[in-house]
Amino acid sequence: MGNEKEGWADDVNRDNNVNWKNDDNDLNQYKEPADKWNAIQEEYISRYPELDTEDLYYESGGFEGVLEKISEIRGKSVDEIRTEIENW
């Protein structure tokens, strides 16, 4: 993806992402949606092309801000987006 900006959700580069797991069966191990997001974000973005990687920066709102931006773009509530990520 080539995005070199700091603040990207724990770096898209999987080598630097301590939460990244290669086995899809491990996705249910995450206790927080933000941790799971780090593992599924590339697949999620590819499924919803209306999302721009710029929308998914962690900023002052942290992960909650990412959820709010996704919910705005997709026309769903923050809770719906959070649940979708948790159940991915």
PDB file of N, CA and C in Angstrom:
ATOM      1  N   MET A   1       0.815  -1.198   0.000  1.00  0.00           N
ATOM      2  CA  MET A   1       0.000   0.000   0.000  1.00  0.00           C
ATOM      3  C   MET A   1       0.851   1.250   0.000  1.00  0.00           C
ATOM      4  N   GLY A   2       2.045   1.177   0.534  1.00  0.00           N
ATOM      5  CA  GLY A   2       2.961   2.286   0.443  1.00  0.00           C
ATOM      6  C   GLY A   2       2.618   3.486   1.295  1.00  0.00           C
ATOM      7  N   ASN A   3       1.724   3.362   2.234  1.00  0.00           N
ATOM      8  CA  ASN A   3       1.350   4.491   3.077  1.00  0.00           C
ATOM      9  C   ASN A   3       2.379   4.621   4.193  1.00  0.00           C
ATOM     10  N   GLU A   4       3.185   5.655   4.149  1.00  0.00           N
ATOM     11  CA  GLU A   4       4.280   5.835   5.088  1.00  0.00           C
ATOM     12  C   GLU A   4       3.918   6.705   6.274  1.00  0.00           C
ATOM     13  N   LYS A   5       2.667   7.188   6.343  1.00  0.00           N
ATOM     14  CA  LYS A   5       2.292   8.110   7.406  1.00  0.00           C
ATOM     15  C   LYS A   5       2.192   7.404   8.747  1.00  0.00           C
ATOM     16  N   GLU A   6       2.631   8.108   9.779  1.00  0.00           N
ATOM     17  CA  GLU A   6       2.468   7.590  11.126  1.00  0.00           C
ATOM     18  C   GLU A   6       1.009   7.715  11.527  1.00  0.00           C
ATOM     19  N   GLY A   7       0.577   6.879  12.421  1.00  0.00           N
ATOM     20  CA  GLY A   7      -0.782   6.957  12.892  1.00  0.00           C
ATOM     21  C   GLY A   7      -1.701   5.985  12.181  1.00  0.00           C
ATOM     22  N   TRP A   8      -1.224   5.369  11.100  1.00  0.00           N
ATOM     23  CA  TRP A   8      -2.028   4.360  10.422  1.00  0.00           C
ATOM     24  C   TRP A   8      -2.239   3.234  11.406  1.00  0.00           C
ATOM     25  N   ALA A   9      -3.350   2.630  11.385  1.00  0.00           N
ATOM     26  CA  ALA A   9      -3.772   1.637  12.371  1.00  0.00           C
ATOM     27  C   ALA A   9      -2.691   0.591  12.611  1.00  0.00           C
ATOM     28  N   ASP A  10      -1.772   0.904  13.509  1.00  0.00           N
ATOM     29  CA  ASP A  10      -0.657   0.036  13.871  1.00  0.00           C
ATOM     30  C   ASP A  10       0.167  -0.389  12.663  1.00  0.00           C
ATOM     31  N   ASP A  11       0.265   0.475  11.690  1.00  0.00           N
ATOM     32  CA  ASP A  11       1.002   0.243  10.457  1.00  0.00           C
ATOM     33  C   ASP A  11       0.393  -0.900   9.662  1.00  0.00           C
ATOM     34  N   VAL A  12       0.101  -0.612   8.429  1.00  0.00           N
ATOM     35  CA  VAL A  12      -0.452  -1.626   7.551  1.00  0.00           C
ATOM     36  C   VAL A  12       0.582  -2.716   7.313  1.00  0.00           C
ATOM     37  N   ASN A  13       1.849  -2.379   7.410  1.00  0.00           N
ATOM     38  CA  ASN A  13       2.909  -3.359   7.245  1.00  0.00           C
ATOM     39  C   ASN A  13       2.780  -4.417   8.327  1.00  0.00           C
ATOM     40  N   ARG A  14       2.406  -5.606   7.926  1.00  0.00           N
ATOM     41  CA  ARG A  14       2.136  -6.680   8.878  1.00  0.00           C
ATOM     42  C   ARG A  14       3.364  -7.066   9.688  1.00  0.00           C
ATOM     43  N   ASP A  15       4.566  -6.868   9.141  1.00  0.00           N
ATOM     44  CA  ASP A  15       5.774  -7.216   9.872  1.00  0.00           C
ATOM     45  C   ASP A  15       5.906  -6.399  11.152  1.00  0.00           C
ATOM     46  N   ASN A  16       5.362  -5.189  11.165  1.00  0.00           N
ATOM     47  CA  ASN A  16       5.454  -4.322  12.326  1.00  0.00           C
ATOM     48  C   ASN A  16       4.223  -4.395  13.208  1.00  0.00           C
ATOM     49  N   ASN A  17       3.221  -5.126  12.796  1.00  0.00           N
ATOM     50  CA  ASN A  17       1.954  -5.165  13.517  1.00  0.00           C
ATOM     51  C   ASN A  17       1.958  -6.345  14.468  1.00  0.00           C
ATOM     52  N   VAL A  18       2.134  -6.068  15.757  1.00  0.00           N
ATOM     53  CA  VAL A  18       2.230  -7.135  16.747  1.00  0.00           C
ATOM     54  C   VAL A  18       0.932  -7.915  16.883  1.00  0.00           C
ATOM     55  N   ASN A  19      -0.190  -7.361  16.432  1.00  0.00           N
ATOM     56  CA  ASN A  19      -1.465  -8.042  16.542  1.00  0.00           C
ATOM     57  C   ASN A  19      -1.769  -8.920  15.332  1.00  0.00           C
ATOM     58  N   TRP A  20      -0.969  -8.839  14.284  1.00  0.00           N
ATOM     59  CA  TRP A  20      -1.257  -9.563  13.066  1.00  0.00           C
ATOM     60  C   TRP A  20      -1.072 -11.055  13.276  1.00  0.00           C
ATOM     61  N   LYS A  21      -2.038 -11.831  12.831  1.00  0.00           N
ATOM     62  CA  LYS A  21      -1.967 -13.285  12.854  1.00  0.00           C
ATOM     63  C   LYS A  21      -2.208 -13.778  11.444  1.00  0.00           C
ATOM     64  N   ASN A  22      -1.430 -14.732  10.981  1.00  0.00           N
ATOM     65  CA  ASN A  22      -1.586 -15.255   9.632  1.00  0.00           C
ATOM     66  C   ASN A  22      -2.720 -16.252   9.515  1.00  0.00           C
ATOM     67  N   ASP A  23      -3.109 -16.884  10.577  1.00  0.00           N
ATOM     68  CA  ASP A  23      -4.142 -17.908  10.551  1.00  0.00           C
ATOM     69  C   ASP A  23      -5.490 -17.263  10.825  1.00  0.00           C
ATOM     70  N   ASP A  24      -6.426 -17.358   9.869  1.00  0.00           N
ATOM     71  CA  ASP A  24      -7.737 -16.745  10.042  1.00  0.00           C
ATOM     72  C   ASP A  24      -8.468 -17.268  11.268  1.00  0.00           C
ATOM     73  N   ASN A  25      -8.157 -18.473  11.710  1.00  0.00           N
ATOM     74  CA  ASN A  25      -8.805 -19.020  12.897  1.00  0.00           C
ATOM     75  C   ASN A  25      -8.436 -18.246  14.154  1.00  0.00           C
ATOM     76  N   ASP A  26      -7.363 -17.504  14.114  1.00  0.00           N
ATOM     77  CA  ASP A  26      -6.924 -16.727  15.271  1.00  0.00           C
ATOM     78  C   ASP A  26      -7.681 -15.408  15.415  1.00  0.00           C
ATOM     79  N   LEU A  27      -8.526 -15.058  14.457  1.00  0.00           N
ATOM     80  CA  LEU A  27      -9.208 -13.768  14.506  1.00  0.00           C
ATOM     81  C   LEU A  27     -10.142 -13.644  15.697  1.00  0.00           C
ATOM     82  N   ASN A  28     -10.629 -14.733  16.230  1.00  0.00           N
ATOM     83  CA  ASN A  28     -11.552 -14.675  17.361  1.00  0.00           C
ATOM     84  C   ASN A  28     -10.855 -14.449  18.691  1.00  0.00           C
ATOM     85  N   GLN A  29      -9.545 -14.401  18.697  1.00  0.00           N
ATOM     86  CA  GLN A  29      -8.796 -14.222  19.934  1.00  0.00           C
ATOM     87  C   GLN A  29      -8.791 -12.778  20.441  1.00  0.00           C
ATOM     88  N   TYR A  30      -9.169 -11.831  19.612  1.00  0.00           N
ATOM     89  CA  TYR A  30      -9.052 -10.431  19.970  1.00  0.00           C
ATOM     90  C   TYR A  30     -10.138 -10.014  20.937  1.00  0.00           C
ATOM     91  N   LYS A  31      -9.722  -9.328  21.993  1.00  0.00           N
ATOM     92  CA  LYS A  31     -10.655  -8.890  23.027  1.00  0.00           C
ATOM     93  C   LYS A  31     -11.261  -7.533  22.709  1.00  0.00           C
ATOM     94  N   GLU A  32     -10.574  -6.738  21.927  1.00  0.00           N
ATOM     95  CA  GLU A  32     -11.021  -5.390  21.592  1.00  0.00           C
ATOM     96  C   GLU A  32     -11.211  -5.268  20.084  1.00  0.00           C
ATOM     97  N   PRO A  33     -12.252  -4.567  19.645  1.00  0.00           N
ATOM     98  CA  PRO A  33     -12.447  -4.364  18.198  1.00  0.00           C
ATOM     99  C   PRO A  33     -11.237  -3.715  17.521  1.00  0.00           C
ATOM    100  N   ALA A  34     -10.547  -2.827  18.211  1.00  0.00           N
ATOM    101  CA  ALA A  34      -9.380  -2.166  17.616  1.00  0.00           C
ATOM    102  C   ALA A  34      -8.286  -3.175  17.302  1.00  0.00           C
ATOM    103  N   ASP A  35      -8.102  -4.167  18.154  1.00  0.00           N
ATOM    104  CA  ASP A  35      -7.099  -5.191  17.904  1.00  0.00           C
ATOM    105  C   ASP A  35      -7.489  -6.043  16.697  1.00  0.00           C
ATOM    106  N   LYS A  36      -8.750  -6.406  16.625  1.00  0.00           N
ATOM    107  CA  LYS A  36      -9.210  -7.195  15.487  1.00  0.00           C
ATOM    108  C   LYS A  36      -9.123  -6.380  14.207  1.00  0.00           C
ATOM    109  N   TRP A  37      -9.443  -5.093  14.310  1.00  0.00           N
ATOM    110  CA  TRP A  37      -9.351  -4.203  13.149  1.00  0.00           C
ATOM    111  C   TRP A  37      -7.961  -4.254  12.544  1.00  0.00           C
ATOM    112  N   ASN A  38      -6.947  -4.260  13.387  1.00  0.00           N
ATOM    113  CA  ASN A  38      -5.574  -4.309  12.892  1.00  0.00           C
ATOM    114  C   ASN A  38      -5.330  -5.552  12.047  1.00  0.00           C
ATOM    115  N   ALA A  39      -6.025  -6.632  12.363  1.00  0.00           N
ATOM    116  CA  ALA A  39      -5.847  -7.879  11.634  1.00  0.00           C
ATOM    117  C   ALA A  39      -6.666  -7.936  10.343  1.00  0.00           C
ATOM    118  N   ILE A  40      -7.807  -7.264  10.297  1.00  0.00           N
ATOM    119  CA  ILE A  40      -8.711  -7.424   9.146  1.00  0.00           C
ATOM    120  C   ILE A  40      -8.810  -6.198   8.251  1.00  0.00           C
ATOM    121  N   GLN A  41      -8.139  -5.119   8.590  1.00  0.00           N
ATOM    122  CA  GLN A  41      -8.368  -3.849   7.901  1.00  0.00           C
ATOM    123  C   GLN A  41      -8.156  -3.922   6.387  1.00  0.00           C
ATOM    124  N   GLU A  42      -7.152  -4.626   5.925  1.00  0.00           N
ATOM    125  CA  GLU A  42      -6.917  -4.689   4.482  1.00  0.00           C
ATOM    126  C   GLU A  42      -8.071  -5.394   3.774  1.00  0.00           C
ATOM    127  N   GLU A  43      -8.534  -6.502   4.340  1.00  0.00           N
ATOM    128  CA  GLU A  43      -9.658  -7.224   3.746  1.00  0.00           C
ATOM    129  C   GLU A  43     -10.933  -6.378   3.797  1.00  0.00           C
ATOM    130  N   TYR A  44     -11.137  -5.681   4.903  1.00  0.00           N
ATOM    131  CA  TYR A  44     -12.317  -4.831   5.071  1.00  0.00           C
ATOM    132  C   TYR A  44     -12.325  -3.726   4.022  1.00  0.00           C
ATOM    133  N   ILE A  45     -11.192  -3.076   3.847  1.00  0.00           N
ATOM    134  CA  ILE A  45     -11.075  -1.990   2.872  1.00  0.00           C
ATOM    135  C   ILE A  45     -11.316  -2.517   1.459  1.00  0.00           C
ATOM    136  N   SER A  46     -10.820  -3.716   1.159  1.00  0.00           N
ATOM    137  CA  SER A  46     -11.029  -4.263  -0.180  1.00  0.00           C
ATOM    138  C   SER A  46     -12.494  -4.614  -0.416  1.00  0.00           C
ATOM    139  N   ARG A  47     -13.233  -4.968   0.637  1.00  0.00           N
ATOM    140  CA  ARG A  47     -14.651  -5.282   0.492  1.00  0.00           C
ATOM    141  C   ARG A  47     -15.495  -4.013   0.353  1.00  0.00           C
ATOM    142  N   TYR A  48     -15.051  -2.915   0.947  1.00  0.00           N
ATOM    143  CA  TYR A  48     -15.804  -1.658   0.906  1.00  0.00           C
ATOM    144  C   TYR A  48     -14.932  -0.583   0.255  1.00  0.00           C
ATOM    145  N   PRO A  49     -14.878  -0.572  -1.073  1.00  0.00           N
ATOM    146  CA  PRO A  49     -13.973   0.328  -1.790  1.00  0.00           C
ATOM    147  C   PRO A  49     -14.305   1.810  -1.615  1.00  0.00           C
ATOM    148  N   GLU A  50     -15.490   2.122  -1.103  1.00  0.00           N
ATOM    149  CA  GLU A  50     -15.815   3.527  -0.873  1.00  0.00           C
ATOM    150  C   GLU A  50     -14.992   4.116   0.275  1.00  0.00           C
ATOM    151  N   LEU A  51     -14.340   3.258   1.041  1.00  0.00           N
ATOM    152  CA  LEU A  51     -13.466   3.717   2.124  1.00  0.00           C
ATOM    153  C   LEU A  51     -12.102   4.071   1.550  1.00  0.00           C
ATOM    154  N   ASP A  52     -11.558   5.152   2.011  1.00  0.00           N
ATOM    155  CA  ASP A  52     -10.238   5.607   1.598  1.00  0.00           C
ATOM    156  C   ASP A  52      -9.302   5.388   2.778  1.00  0.00           C
ATOM    157  N   THR A  53      -8.097   4.941   2.512  1.00  0.00           N
ATOM    158  CA  THR A  53      -7.166   4.693   3.610  1.00  0.00           C
ATOM    159  C   THR A  53      -6.961   5.935   4.471  1.00  0.00           C
ATOM    160  N   GLU A  54      -7.113   7.107   3.878  1.00  0.00           N
ATOM    161  CA  GLU A  54      -6.994   8.347   4.646  1.00  0.00           C
ATOM    162  C   GLU A  54      -8.078   8.440   5.720  1.00  0.00           C
ATOM    163  N   ASP A  55      -9.230   7.800   5.471  1.00  0.00           N
ATOM    164  CA  ASP A  55     -10.334   7.820   6.430  1.00  0.00           C
ATOM    165  C   ASP A  55     -10.040   6.962   7.650  1.00  0.00           C
ATOM    166  N   LEU A  56      -9.054   6.117   7.553  1.00  0.00           N
ATOM    167  CA  LEU A  56      -8.838   5.104   8.578  1.00  0.00           C
ATOM    168  C   LEU A  56      -7.640   5.391   9.471  1.00  0.00           C
ATOM    169  N   TYR A  57      -7.180   6.625   9.436  1.00  0.00           N
ATOM    170  CA  TYR A  57      -6.092   7.046  10.319  1.00  0.00           C
ATOM    171  C   TYR A  57      -6.561   7.116  11.757  1.00  0.00           C
ATOM    172  N   TYR A  58      -5.705   6.687  12.644  1.00  0.00           N
ATOM    173  CA  TYR A  58      -5.951   6.939  14.061  1.00  0.00           C
ATOM    174  C   TYR A  58      -5.530   8.382  14.304  1.00  0.00           C
ATOM    175  N   GLU A  59      -6.442   9.169  14.750  1.00  0.00           N
ATOM    176  CA  GLU A  59      -6.112  10.546  15.085  1.00  0.00           C
ATOM    177  C   GLU A  59      -6.508  10.777  16.526  1.00  0.00           C
ATOM    178  N   SER A  60      -6.876  11.986  16.846  1.00  0.00           N
ATOM    179  CA  SER A  60      -7.216  12.302  18.231  1.00  0.00           C
ATOM    180  C   SER A  60      -8.378  11.460  18.738  1.00  0.00           C
ATOM    181  N   GLY A  61      -9.259  11.009  17.840  1.00  0.00           N
ATOM    182  CA  GLY A  61     -10.397  10.186  18.236  1.00  0.00           C
ATOM    183  C   GLY A  61     -10.050   8.724  18.404  1.00  0.00           C
ATOM    184  N   GLY A  62      -8.797   8.346  18.108  1.00  0.00           N
ATOM    185  CA  GLY A  62      -8.392   6.959  18.231  1.00  0.00           C
ATOM    186  C   GLY A  62      -9.252   6.051  17.372  1.00  0.00           C
ATOM    187  N   PHE A  63      -9.391   4.829  17.792  1.00  0.00           N
ATOM    188  CA  PHE A  63     -10.156   3.854  17.032  1.00  0.00           C
ATOM    189  C   PHE A  63     -11.622   4.269  16.927  1.00  0.00           C
ATOM    190  N   GLU A  64     -12.136   4.906  17.949  1.00  0.00           N
ATOM    191  CA  GLU A  64     -13.528   5.375  17.910  1.00  0.00           C
ATOM    192  C   GLU A  64     -13.736   6.335  16.741  1.00  0.00           C
ATOM    193  N   GLY A  65     -12.744   7.168  16.475  1.00  0.00           N
ATOM    194  CA  GLY A  65     -12.817   8.072  15.335  1.00  0.00           C
ATOM    195  C   GLY A  65     -12.855   7.326  14.015  1.00  0.00           C
ATOM    196  N   VAL A  66     -12.109   6.226  13.917  1.00  0.00           N
ATOM    197  CA  VAL A  66     -12.135   5.387  12.720  1.00  0.00           C
ATOM    198  C   VAL A  66     -13.531   4.801  12.542  1.00  0.00           C
ATOM    199  N   LEU A  67     -14.102   4.281  13.631  1.00  0.00           N
ATOM    200  CA  LEU A  67     -15.458   3.725  13.569  1.00  0.00           C
ATOM    201  C   LEU A  67     -16.466   4.777  13.122  1.00  0.00           C
ATOM    202  N   GLU A  68     -16.340   5.979  13.665  1.00  0.00           N
ATOM    203  CA  GLU A  68     -17.266   7.053  13.300  1.00  0.00           C
ATOM    204  C   GLU A  68     -17.160   7.400  11.815  1.00  0.00           C
ATOM    205  N   LYS A  69     -15.943   7.452  11.293  1.00  0.00           N
ATOM    206  CA  LYS A  69     -15.746   7.782   9.886  1.00  0.00           C
ATOM    207  C   LYS A  69     -16.317   6.688   8.992  1.00  0.00           C
ATOM    208  N   ILE A  70     -16.048   5.422   9.328  1.00  0.00           N
ATOM    209  CA  ILE A  70     -16.593   4.307   8.548  1.00  0.00           C
ATOM    210  C   ILE A  70     -18.113   4.338   8.584  1.00  0.00           C
ATOM    211  N   SER A  71     -18.684   4.587   9.758  1.00  0.00           N
ATOM    212  CA  SER A  71     -20.147   4.590   9.885  1.00  0.00           C
ATOM    213  C   SER A  71     -20.759   5.712   9.046  1.00  0.00           C
ATOM    214  N   GLU A  72     -20.100   6.848   9.013  1.00  0.00           N
ATOM    215  CA  GLU A  72     -20.578   7.980   8.206  1.00  0.00           C
ATOM    216  C   GLU A  72     -20.554   7.638   6.722  1.00  0.00           C
ATOM    217  N   ILE A  73     -19.463   7.062   6.264  1.00  0.00           N
ATOM    218  CA  ILE A  73     -19.312   6.735   4.847  1.00  0.00           C
ATOM    219  C   ILE A  73     -20.272   5.626   4.432  1.00  0.00           C
ATOM    220  N   ARG A  74     -20.425   4.631   5.295  1.00  0.00           N
ATOM    221  CA  ARG A  74     -21.256   3.472   4.940  1.00  0.00           C
ATOM    222  C   ARG A  74     -22.718   3.641   5.311  1.00  0.00           C
ATOM    223  N   GLY A  75     -23.077   4.722   6.015  1.00  0.00           N
ATOM    224  CA  GLY A  75     -24.470   4.956   6.366  1.00  0.00           C
ATOM    225  C   GLY A  75     -24.995   3.982   7.405  1.00  0.00           C
ATOM    226  N   LYS A  76     -24.127   3.563   8.303  1.00  0.00           N
ATOM    227  CA  LYS A  76     -24.504   2.652   9.384  1.00  0.00           C
ATOM    228  C   LYS A  76     -24.110   3.290  10.700  1.00  0.00           C
ATOM    229  N   SER A  77     -24.662   2.774  11.794  1.00  0.00           N
ATOM    230  CA  SER A  77     -24.308   3.315  13.103  1.00  0.00           C
ATOM    231  C   SER A  77     -22.926   2.814  13.520  1.00  0.00           C
ATOM    232  N   VAL A  78     -22.326   3.531  14.455  1.00  0.00           N
ATOM    233  CA  VAL A  78     -21.030   3.121  14.999  1.00  0.00           C
ATOM    234  C   VAL A  78     -21.150   1.728  15.608  1.00  0.00           C
ATOM    235  N   ASP A  79     -22.240   1.458  16.313  1.00  0.00           N
ATOM    236  CA  ASP A  79     -22.431   0.136  16.920  1.00  0.00           C
ATOM    237  C   ASP A  79     -22.519  -0.954  15.861  1.00  0.00           C
ATOM    238  N   GLU A  80     -23.190  -0.659  14.743  1.00  0.00           N
ATOM    239  CA  GLU A  80     -23.272  -1.650  13.660  1.00  0.00           C
ATOM    240  C   GLU A  80     -21.884  -1.945  13.085  1.00  0.00           C
ATOM    241  N   ILE A  81     -21.082  -0.910  12.899  1.00  0.00           N
ATOM    242  CA  ILE A  81     -19.730  -1.097  12.364  1.00  0.00           C
ATOM    243  C   ILE A  81     -18.877  -1.863  13.364  1.00  0.00           C
ATOM    244  N   ARG A  82     -18.961  -1.498  14.643  1.00  0.00           N
ATOM    245  CA  ARG A  82     -18.195  -2.192  15.678  1.00  0.00           C
ATOM    246  C   ARG A  82     -18.563  -3.682  15.701  1.00  0.00           C
ATOM    247  N   THR A  83     -19.857  -3.975  15.666  1.00  0.00           N
ATOM    248  CA  THR A  83     -20.322  -5.362  15.677  1.00  0.00           C
ATOM    249  C   THR A  83     -19.858  -6.099  14.428  1.00  0.00           C
ATOM    250  N   GLU A  84     -19.908  -5.422  13.284  1.00  0.00           N
ATOM    251  CA  GLU A  84     -19.460  -6.032  12.040  1.00  0.00           C
ATOM    252  C   GLU A  84     -17.982  -6.448  12.139  1.00  0.00           C
ATOM    253  N   ILE A  85     -17.162  -5.565  12.685  1.00  0.00           N
ATOM    254  CA  ILE A  85     -15.733  -5.859  12.844  1.00  0.00           C
ATOM    255  C   ILE A  85     -15.536  -6.980  13.845  1.00  0.00           C
ATOM    256  N   GLU A  86     -16.258  -6.943  14.956  1.00  0.00           N
ATOM    257  CA  GLU A  86     -16.141  -7.995  15.970  1.00  0.00           C
ATOM    258  C   GLU A  86     -16.515  -9.361  15.411  1.00  0.00           C
ATOM    259  N   ASN A  87     -17.482  -9.393  14.503  1.00  0.00           N
ATOM    260  CA  ASN A  87     -17.964 -10.664  13.956  1.00  0.00           C
ATOM    261  C   ASN A  87     -17.320 -11.051  12.637  1.00  0.00           C
ATOM    262  N   TRP A  88     -16.356 -10.281  12.185  1.00  0.00           N
ATOM    263  CA  TRP A  88     -15.706 -10.529  10.898  1.00  0.00           C
ATOM    264  C   TRP A  88     -15.074 -11.900  10.872  1.00  0.00           C
TER     265      TRP A  88
END
